[in-house]
Amino acid sequence: MCNLVNKDGSVQTGYRPVFVLSNNKNNTYAPTLNIIPLTTKMNKRKLPIHVELWDYEKYGLKAPSTLMIEQITTVSVMNLVMCVGCVDNKQILMDISEAITIQFPILSMLN
């Protein structure tokens, strides 16, 4: 869970679950980390850069949620409140990786 500070426009804000994207070494030593915000608004827009978590309880969530890859951002570790779960499903992790590659096409240029 993370406190996302107010920003303008359609950027996600408030107290909400996030997926920590940055690596553990960074998360241990750096004052910031990279996250993907989640929303409980399901099927709002079916975008290839959204990853839906229908088995939400497996991940410590209270409702079905969507990872919004287009809103990857950096936050201070001070904004993190608590860990509620872990996404360890290989297919979901592959879906997240694919969505990141769609959002950041430079990654697919390397193959």
Protein backbone atom coordinates (compact mmCIF):
# COMPACT_ATOMS: atom_id res chain seq x y z
CA MET A 1 0.00 0.00 0.00
CA CYS A 2 1.28 3.44 -0.89
CA ASN A 3 0.31 7.07 -0.44
CA LEU A 4 0.47 8.60 -3.92
CA VAL A 5 0.72 12.36 -3.70
CA ASN A 6 -1.67 14.58 -5.60
CA LYS A 7 -0.82 15.23 -9.23
CA ASP A 8 -2.73 16.84 -12.05
CA GLY A 9 -4.99 15.21 -14.61
CA SER A 10 -5.73 11.49 -14.70
CA VAL A 11 -2.72 10.42 -12.66
CA GLN A 12 -3.63 8.00 -9.87
CA THR A 13 -3.44 9.47 -6.38
CA GLY A 14 -4.34 8.60 -2.82
CA TYR A 15 -3.84 5.58 -0.61
CA ARG A 16 -3.86 2.54 -2.88
CA PRO A 17 -2.14 -0.74 -3.68
CA VAL A 18 0.88 -0.58 -5.98
CA PHE A 19 3.08 -3.15 -7.68
CA VAL A 20 6.75 -2.55 -6.89
CA LEU A 21 8.61 -2.76 -10.20
CA SER A 22 12.16 -1.84 -9.21
CA ASN A 23 14.71 -4.50 -8.23
CA ASN A 24 15.39 -5.54 -4.64
CA LYS A 25 18.91 -4.05 -4.55
CA ASN A 26 17.45 -0.66 -5.51
CA ASN A 27 14.62 -1.09 -3.04
CA THR A 28 17.10 -1.83 -0.24
CA TYR A 29 19.52 1.05 -0.81
CA ALA A 30 17.79 3.81 -2.78
CA PRO A 31 15.44 6.40 -1.28
CA THR A 32 13.05 5.93 -4.21
CA LEU A 33 11.51 3.02 -6.08
CA ASN A 34 9.46 2.42 -9.20
CA ILE A 35 5.86 1.34 -8.89
CA ILE A 36 2.78 0.57 -10.97
CA PRO A 37 -0.46 1.90 -9.43
CA LEU A 38 -3.53 -0.31 -9.27
CA THR A 39 -7.18 0.61 -9.64
CA THR A 40 -10.34 -1.31 -8.80
CA LYS A 41 -12.07 0.06 -11.90
CA MET A 42 -12.21 -3.07 -14.02
CA ASN A 43 -12.86 -3.04 -17.76
CA LYS A 44 -12.89 0.76 -17.78
CA ARG A 45 -10.87 0.60 -20.97
CA LYS A 46 -9.52 -2.65 -22.34
CA LEU A 47 -5.98 -1.52 -23.12
CA PRO A 48 -3.07 -3.86 -23.89
CA ILE A 49 -1.11 -2.01 -21.22
CA HIS A 50 -3.55 -2.95 -18.45
CA VAL A 51 -3.11 -6.21 -16.52
CA GLU A 52 -6.16 -7.41 -14.62
CA LEU A 53 -5.93 -9.29 -11.33
CA TRP A 54 -9.19 -11.21 -11.03
CA ASP A 55 -7.80 -13.59 -8.39
CA TYR A 56 -7.24 -10.56 -6.19
CA GLU A 57 -7.34 -12.40 -2.86
CA LYS A 58 -4.23 -14.39 -3.85
CA TYR A 59 -2.34 -11.08 -3.92
CA GLY A 60 -3.67 -9.61 -0.67
CA LEU A 61 -6.10 -7.27 -2.42
CA LYS A 62 -9.66 -6.54 -1.33
CA ALA A 63 -11.18 -6.35 -4.82
CA PRO A 64 -10.38 -7.24 -8.43
CA SER A 65 -7.77 -4.73 -9.60
CA THR A 66 -5.99 -3.53 -12.72
CA LEU A 67 -2.31 -2.63 -12.98
CA MET A 68 -2.02 0.55 -15.06
CA ILE A 69 1.31 0.19 -16.85
CA GLU A 70 0.94 3.62 -18.47
CA GLN A 71 1.24 5.16 -15.01
CA ILE A 72 4.60 3.69 -13.96
CA THR A 73 6.15 6.26 -11.65
CA THR A 74 8.79 6.84 -9.00
CA VAL A 75 7.89 7.32 -5.35
CA SER A 76 9.82 7.87 -2.15
CA VAL A 77 10.14 4.81 0.06
CA MET A 78 8.60 7.05 2.73
CA ASN A 79 5.30 6.82 0.81
CA LEU A 80 5.11 3.05 1.26
CA VAL A 81 2.87 2.02 4.13
CA MET A 82 2.76 -1.79 4.17
CA CYS A 83 3.09 -4.91 2.06
CA VAL A 84 -0.22 -6.67 1.46
CA GLY A 85 0.90 -9.44 -0.87
CA CYS A 86 3.07 -10.67 -3.68
CA VAL A 87 2.36 -11.41 -7.34
CA ASP A 88 4.12 -14.71 -7.97
CA ASN A 89 1.92 -16.10 -10.73
CA LYS A 90 4.22 -16.66 -13.73
CA GLN A 91 1.49 -15.86 -16.29
CA ILE A 92 0.58 -12.60 -14.58
CA LEU A 93 4.26 -11.63 -14.40
CA MET A 94 4.62 -12.42 -18.12
CA ASP A 95 1.52 -10.29 -18.84
CA ILE A 96 3.07 -7.40 -16.89
CA SER A 97 6.34 -7.80 -18.80
CA GLU A 98 4.50 -7.82 -22.13
CA ALA A 99 2.49 -4.73 -21.20
CA ILE A 100 5.69 -2.91 -20.21
CA THR A 101 7.20 -3.82 -23.59
CA ILE A 102 4.12 -2.41 -25.34
CA GLN A 103 4.28 0.79 -23.29
CA PHE A 104 8.04 1.14 -23.81
CA PRO A 105 8.68 -0.15 -27.36
CA ILE A 106 12.44 0.38 -27.08
CA LEU A 107 12.52 -2.89 -25.11
CA SER A 108 11.23 -4.88 -28.11
CA MET A 109 13.82 -3.25 -30.40
CA LEU A 110 16.56 -5.07 -28.52
CA ASN A 111 15.40 -8.54 -29.58
